[in-house]
N, C-alpha and C. Protein backbone atom coordinates (compact mmCIF):
# COMPACT_ATOMS: atom_id res chain seq x y z
N MET A 1 23.08 26.49 -15.61
CA MET A 1 24.34 27.80 -15.30
C MET A 1 23.92 28.90 -16.21
N ARG A 2 23.84 28.60 -17.31
CA ARG A 2 23.68 29.65 -18.53
C ARG A 2 22.43 30.49 -18.26
N ASP A 3 21.32 30.08 -17.41
CA ASP A 3 20.26 30.61 -17.32
C ASP A 3 20.08 31.56 -15.82
N LEU A 4 21.49 31.81 -15.19
CA LEU A 4 21.49 32.50 -14.19
C LEU A 4 20.80 33.93 -14.50
N LYS A 5 20.15 34.62 -13.75
CA LYS A 5 19.71 35.98 -13.68
C LYS A 5 20.70 36.83 -14.27
N ARG A 6 22.14 36.69 -13.48
CA ARG A 6 23.38 37.39 -13.66
C ARG A 6 23.97 37.31 -15.37
N ASN A 7 23.61 36.26 -16.02
CA ASN A 7 24.01 36.10 -17.33
C ASN A 7 23.01 36.38 -18.45
N GLN A 8 21.95 36.97 -17.86
CA GLN A 8 20.88 37.30 -18.82
C GLN A 8 21.13 38.74 -19.12
N VAL A 9 20.41 38.84 -20.52
CA VAL A 9 20.30 40.49 -20.67
C VAL A 9 19.03 40.94 -21.77
N LYS A 10 18.84 41.77 -21.43
CA LYS A 10 17.43 42.53 -21.56
C LYS A 10 17.59 42.86 -23.37
N ILE A 11 16.69 41.73 -24.22
CA ILE A 11 16.28 42.23 -25.37
C ILE A 11 14.74 42.65 -25.61
N SER A 12 14.60 43.01 -26.82
CA SER A 12 13.32 43.16 -27.53
C SER A 12 13.27 42.17 -28.54
N TYR A 13 11.39 41.90 -28.69
CA TYR A 13 10.98 41.11 -29.78
C TYR A 13 9.97 41.58 -29.90
N LYS A 14 9.43 41.00 -31.41
CA LYS A 14 7.72 41.21 -31.87
C LYS A 14 7.64 40.08 -32.50
N ASN A 15 6.47 40.03 -32.50
CA ASN A 15 6.12 38.10 -33.33
C ASN A 15 5.12 38.54 -34.39
N LEU A 16 5.71 37.88 -35.42
CA LEU A 16 4.11 37.93 -36.63
C LEU A 16 2.81 37.72 -36.46
N VAL A 17 2.07 38.60 -36.37
CA VAL A 17 0.49 38.32 -35.85
C VAL A 17 -0.08 38.11 -37.28
N ASN A 18 -0.13 38.42 -38.07
CA ASN A 18 -0.89 38.52 -39.40
C ASN A 18 -0.07 38.61 -40.77
N LYS A 19 -0.63 38.37 -41.96
CA LYS A 19 -0.01 39.12 -43.11
C LYS A 19 -1.45 39.45 -43.97
N LYS A 20 -1.18 40.83 -44.30
CA LYS A 20 -2.29 41.54 -45.25
C LYS A 20 -1.79 41.40 -46.51
N GLU A 21 -2.98 41.04 -47.54
CA GLU A 21 -2.55 41.11 -48.70
C GLU A 21 -2.49 42.43 -49.37
N ILE A 22 -1.44 42.78 -50.11
CA ILE A 22 -1.39 44.42 -50.46
C ILE A 22 -2.18 44.24 -51.95
N THR A 23 -2.86 45.27 -52.27
CA THR A 23 -3.88 45.47 -53.49
C THR A 23 -3.32 46.74 -54.09
N ASP A 24 -3.59 46.84 -55.31
CA ASP A 24 -2.96 47.91 -55.76
C ASP A 24 -4.18 48.98 -55.94
N GLU A 25 -4.14 50.06 -56.64
CA GLU A 25 -4.81 51.42 -56.84
C GLU A 25 -6.51 50.75 -57.18
N TYR A 26 -6.15 49.74 -58.09
CA TYR A 26 -7.81 49.52 -58.27
C TYR A 26 -8.47 48.26 -57.12
N GLY A 27 -7.78 47.86 -56.48
CA GLY A 27 -8.33 46.83 -55.35
C GLY A 27 -7.84 45.82 -55.88
N ASN A 28 -6.98 45.57 -57.06
CA ASN A 28 -6.82 44.30 -57.00
C ASN A 28 -5.63 43.70 -56.70
N ALA A 29 -5.80 42.08 -56.07
CA ALA A 29 -4.52 41.63 -55.28
C ALA A 29 -3.52 41.83 -56.31
N THR A 30 -2.14 41.84 -55.62
CA THR A 30 -0.89 41.91 -56.24
C THR A 30 -0.05 40.61 -55.83
N GLY A 31 -0.35 40.12 -55.31
CA GLY A 31 0.33 38.55 -54.75
C GLY A 31 1.37 38.74 -53.48
N SER A 32 1.72 40.03 -53.24
CA SER A 32 2.40 40.58 -52.41
C SER A 32 2.06 40.72 -50.84
N TYR A 33 2.41 40.65 -49.79
CA TYR A 33 1.84 40.63 -48.74
C TYR A 33 2.48 41.50 -47.83
N GLU A 34 1.83 42.53 -46.76
CA GLU A 34 2.64 42.85 -46.04
C GLU A 34 2.31 42.58 -44.78
N ARG A 35 3.83 42.29 -43.67
CA ARG A 35 3.56 41.42 -42.05
C ARG A 35 3.17 42.37 -41.14
N ILE A 36 2.16 42.03 -40.45
CA ILE A 36 1.72 42.84 -39.65
C ILE A 36 2.45 42.02 -38.24
N TYR A 37 3.26 42.98 -37.33
CA TYR A 37 3.84 42.52 -36.22
C TYR A 37 3.26 42.99 -34.83
N SER A 38 3.37 42.15 -33.67
CA SER A 38 2.86 42.55 -32.50
C SER A 38 3.62 43.92 -32.19
N ASP A 39 3.28 44.34 -30.63
CA ASP A 39 3.91 45.25 -30.12
C ASP A 39 5.13 44.74 -29.78
N VAL A 40 5.97 45.75 -29.57
CA VAL A 40 7.59 45.09 -29.25
C VAL A 40 7.36 44.84 -27.62
N LYS A 41 7.78 43.45 -27.52
CA LYS A 41 7.52 43.05 -25.75
C LYS A 41 9.56 43.03 -25.22
N GLU A 42 9.63 43.19 -24.16
CA GLU A 42 11.19 42.62 -23.66
C GLU A 42 11.16 41.62 -22.88
N LEU A 43 12.09 41.18 -22.86
CA LEU A 43 12.53 40.11 -21.97
C LEU A 43 14.23 39.84 -21.75
N TYR A 44 14.70 39.09 -20.52
CA TYR A 44 15.38 38.89 -20.01
C TYR A 44 15.88 37.38 -20.53
N ILE A 45 17.02 37.35 -21.06
CA ILE A 45 17.36 35.76 -21.81
C ILE A 45 19.12 35.87 -21.57
N SER A 46 19.23 34.26 -21.94
CA SER A 46 21.03 34.41 -22.00
C SER A 46 20.95 34.52 -23.24
N VAL A 47 22.51 35.38 -24.04
CA VAL A 47 22.76 35.64 -25.21
C VAL A 47 23.97 35.21 -25.46
N SER A 48 24.37 34.44 -26.09
CA SER A 48 25.55 34.09 -26.58
C SER A 48 26.75 35.08 -27.17
N ALA A 49 27.98 34.92 -26.94
CA ALA A 49 28.76 35.75 -27.90
C ALA A 49 28.65 35.45 -29.16
N ASN A 50 28.98 36.37 -30.30
CA ASN A 50 29.15 36.08 -31.32
C ASN A 50 29.40 34.74 -32.09
N ARG A 51 29.04 34.23 -33.08
CA ARG A 51 29.25 32.63 -33.44
C ARG A 51 31.14 32.48 -34.07
N GLY A 52 31.70 31.69 -34.12
CA GLY A 52 33.05 31.47 -34.01
C GLY A 52 33.68 31.17 -33.22
N ASP A 53 33.18 31.47 -32.03
CA ASP A 53 34.18 31.23 -30.59
C ASP A 53 34.09 29.46 -30.61
N VAL A 54 35.15 28.86 -30.02
CA VAL A 54 34.91 27.32 -29.88
C VAL A 54 34.24 26.97 -28.68
N GLU A 55 32.85 26.38 -29.26
CA GLU A 55 31.83 25.87 -28.63
C GLU A 55 30.80 25.07 -29.09
N VAL A 56 30.11 24.48 -28.58
CA VAL A 56 29.23 23.06 -29.36
C VAL A 56 28.09 24.32 -30.28
N GLN A 57 27.83 23.52 -31.39
CA GLN A 57 27.11 24.45 -32.16
C GLN A 57 25.61 23.47 -32.24
N GLY A 58 24.64 23.61 -31.48
CA GLY A 58 23.70 22.80 -31.26
C GLY A 58 22.67 22.83 -32.39
N PHE A 59 23.07 23.77 -33.38
CA PHE A 59 21.93 23.58 -34.56
C PHE A 59 23.02 23.16 -35.87
N GLY A 60 24.15 22.56 -35.81
CA GLY A 60 24.68 22.34 -36.58
C GLY A 60 25.76 23.35 -37.50
N ALA A 61 26.32 23.04 -38.33
CA ALA A 61 27.08 23.85 -38.95
C ALA A 61 26.40 24.19 -40.66
N GLN A 62 25.44 23.72 -40.76
CA GLN A 62 24.83 24.22 -42.23
C GLN A 62 23.94 25.53 -41.85
N LEU A 63 23.41 25.22 -40.65
CA LEU A 63 22.21 26.83 -40.70
C LEU A 63 23.10 27.62 -40.12
N ASP A 64 22.89 28.86 -40.90
CA ASP A 64 23.79 29.92 -41.18
C ASP A 64 23.28 30.80 -39.70
N TYR A 65 23.93 30.90 -38.89
CA TYR A 65 23.43 32.13 -37.56
C TYR A 65 24.63 32.58 -37.07
N ASP A 66 24.43 33.50 -36.34
CA ASP A 66 25.25 34.53 -35.57
C ASP A 66 25.19 34.36 -33.87
N ARG A 67 24.18 34.16 -33.43
CA ARG A 67 24.13 33.89 -32.17
C ARG A 67 23.17 32.96 -31.66
N THR A 68 23.16 32.68 -30.58
CA THR A 68 21.91 31.92 -29.70
C THR A 68 21.44 32.35 -28.56
N LEU A 69 20.13 32.41 -28.52
CA LEU A 69 19.49 32.51 -27.16
C LEU A 69 19.14 31.55 -26.50
N MET A 70 19.07 31.48 -25.18
CA MET A 70 18.80 30.39 -24.31
C MET A 70 18.06 30.59 -23.12
N THR A 71 17.27 29.87 -22.95
CA THR A 71 16.25 30.35 -21.66
C THR A 71 15.67 28.94 -21.10
N SER A 72 15.28 28.53 -19.93
CA SER A 72 14.79 27.63 -19.48
C SER A 72 13.12 28.07 -19.28
N ASP A 73 12.85 29.10 -19.55
CA ASP A 73 11.25 29.64 -19.56
C ASP A 73 10.48 29.20 -20.56
N MET A 74 9.59 28.17 -20.52
CA MET A 74 8.96 27.23 -21.77
C MET A 74 7.96 28.02 -22.02
N SER A 75 7.79 29.41 -21.64
CA SER A 75 6.58 29.88 -22.15
C SER A 75 7.17 31.01 -23.32
N CYS A 76 8.61 31.13 -23.45
CA CYS A 76 9.06 31.92 -24.37
C CYS A 76 8.29 32.23 -25.46
N GLU A 77 7.85 33.25 -26.11
CA GLU A 77 6.88 33.18 -27.68
C GLU A 77 7.74 33.57 -28.54
N ILE A 78 9.24 33.63 -28.51
CA ILE A 78 10.03 33.65 -29.73
C ILE A 78 10.18 32.46 -30.71
N ASN A 79 9.79 33.07 -31.93
CA ASN A 79 9.65 31.55 -32.99
C ASN A 79 10.14 32.04 -34.17
N GLU A 80 10.10 31.32 -35.09
CA GLU A 80 10.64 31.52 -36.36
C GLU A 80 10.33 33.14 -37.32
N ASN A 81 9.56 33.47 -36.94
CA ASN A 81 8.58 34.65 -37.57
C ASN A 81 8.99 35.68 -36.55
N SER A 82 9.68 35.77 -35.56
CA SER A 82 10.04 36.68 -34.86
C SER A 82 11.16 37.71 -35.18
N ILE A 83 11.28 39.07 -34.81
CA ILE A 83 12.35 40.11 -35.15
C ILE A 83 13.03 40.36 -33.34
N VAL A 84 14.23 39.73 -33.46
CA VAL A 84 14.82 40.24 -32.36
C VAL A 84 15.86 41.49 -32.23
N TYR A 85 15.77 42.42 -31.33
CA TYR A 85 16.55 43.58 -31.25
C TYR A 85 17.55 43.11 -29.76
N ILE A 86 18.58 43.30 -29.97
CA ILE A 86 19.98 43.56 -29.18
C ILE A 86 20.37 44.51 -29.42
N GLY A 87 20.30 45.56 -28.20
CA GLY A 87 21.07 46.96 -28.51
C GLY A 87 20.60 47.44 -29.89
N ASN A 88 21.15 48.18 -30.67
CA ASN A 88 20.97 48.77 -31.72
C ASN A 88 20.94 47.70 -33.06
N GLU A 89 20.88 46.67 -32.76
CA GLU A 89 21.11 45.59 -33.75
C GLU A 89 19.63 44.76 -34.03
N THR A 90 19.74 44.53 -35.33
CA THR A 90 18.37 43.51 -35.48
C THR A 90 18.71 42.36 -36.14
N TYR A 91 17.95 41.22 -35.71
CA TYR A 91 17.90 39.74 -35.69
C TYR A 91 16.76 39.09 -36.08
N THR A 92 16.83 38.05 -36.99
CA THR A 92 15.51 37.51 -37.40
C THR A 92 16.07 35.97 -37.05
N VAL A 93 14.95 35.14 -36.80
CA VAL A 93 14.91 33.91 -35.98
C VAL A 93 15.22 33.02 -37.33
N LYS A 94 16.22 32.26 -37.10
CA LYS A 94 16.70 31.16 -38.27
C LYS A 94 16.01 29.55 -37.75
N ALA A 95 16.09 29.70 -36.49
CA ALA A 95 15.82 27.92 -35.76
C ALA A 95 15.33 28.20 -34.47
N ARG A 96 14.58 27.13 -34.16
CA ARG A 96 14.47 27.29 -32.53
C ARG A 96 14.02 25.67 -32.13
N ALA A 97 14.96 25.52 -31.11
CA ALA A 97 15.21 24.16 -30.76
C ALA A 97 14.71 23.77 -29.19
N VAL A 98 13.75 23.19 -28.94
CA VAL A 98 13.11 23.06 -27.42
C VAL A 98 13.45 21.43 -27.19
N SER A 99 13.69 21.43 -26.21
CA SER A 99 14.21 20.42 -25.36
C SER A 99 13.51 20.18 -23.97
N ILE A 100 13.41 19.21 -22.95
CA ILE A 100 12.80 19.14 -22.12
C ILE A 100 12.63 20.19 -20.91
N ASN A 101 13.59 20.96 -20.88
CA ASN A 101 13.89 22.05 -19.66
C ASN A 101 14.64 23.15 -20.46
N GLN A 102 14.69 23.32 -21.70
CA GLN A 102 15.42 24.49 -22.25
C GLN A 102 14.82 24.81 -23.77
N ILE A 103 15.11 26.01 -23.92
CA ILE A 103 14.63 26.63 -25.38
C ILE A 103 15.99 27.19 -25.90
N GLN A 104 16.44 26.89 -26.96
CA GLN A 104 17.26 27.25 -27.96
C GLN A 104 17.28 28.18 -29.05
N ILE A 105 17.66 29.36 -29.37
CA ILE A 105 17.23 30.34 -30.59
C ILE A 105 18.19 30.74 -31.25
N ALA A 106 18.60 30.13 -32.60
CA ALA A 106 19.63 30.76 -33.49
C ALA A 106 18.64 32.06 -33.94
N ILE A 107 19.57 33.19 -34.04
CA ILE A 107 19.26 34.07 -34.69
C ILE A 107 20.61 34.60 -35.49
N LYS A 108 20.02 35.39 -36.83
CA LYS A 108 20.91 36.12 -37.95
C LYS A 108 20.78 37.34 -37.95
N ARG A 109 21.99 38.15 -37.80
CA ARG A 109 21.98 39.55 -37.86
C ARG A 109 21.24 40.22 -38.95
N GLU A 110 20.45 41.17 -39.41
CA GLU A 110 20.30 41.54 -40.37
C GLU A 110 19.62 42.92 -40.66
N GLU A 111 19.55 43.45 -41.84
CA GLU A 111 18.78 44.85 -41.76
C GLU A 111 17.22 44.68 -42.18
N ILE A 112 16.39 45.43 -41.54
CA ILE A 112 14.99 45.20 -41.96
C ILE A 112 14.53 46.62 -42.28
N ASN A 113 14.41 46.37 -43.60
CA ASN A 113 13.73 47.87 -44.02
C ASN A 113 12.42 48.14 -43.86
N GLU A 114 11.81 49.05 -44.42
CA GLU A 114 10.52 49.72 -44.04
C GLU A 114 9.72 49.06 -45.07
N ASP A 115 10.06 48.13 -45.79
CA ASP A 115 8.95 47.50 -47.03
C ASP A 115 8.93 45.84 -46.54
N ASN A 116 9.25 45.77 -45.48
CA ASN A 116 9.42 44.39 -44.97
C ASN A 116 10.35 43.46 -45.45
N THR A 117 11.27 43.67 -46.05
CA THR A 117 12.05 42.91 -46.46
C THR A 117 13.36 42.94 -45.81
N SER A 118 14.17 41.92 -46.00
CA SER A 118 15.18 41.82 -45.16
C SER A 118 16.70 41.58 -46.32
N THR A 119 17.59 42.14 -45.61
CA THR A 119 19.21 41.80 -46.17
C THR A 119 20.24 41.33 -45.08
N THR A 120 20.81 40.37 -45.23
CA THR A 120 21.61 39.83 -44.51
C THR A 120 23.18 40.79 -44.48
N VAL A 121 23.29 41.19 -43.14
CA VAL A 121 24.49 41.86 -42.55
C VAL A 121 25.97 41.40 -42.90
């Protein structure tokens, strides 16, 4: 019932494609990597209300996440390296759980900086 079309919201996401090693002005490796993401894709998916409501926590109490995404579309590409956009908020994926006929994704609201680092809000 949660995967009904009327319960779905349009979100955007992008997946990590590759990491490129950053070099200094002399061409030497710095040991840091720049993340390269795919183009932004859109998807209709069921999005839970903010965590804190009385509900079953599918990922347990130890994993720090704010919301969950749920879909019965088993071809959903969102994974632990994805960035998810819901409205004006940015989320990183904390965990992905796959069952026989459903995918559940735990996400955490974070601010993504230009230098590819993230900080928890």
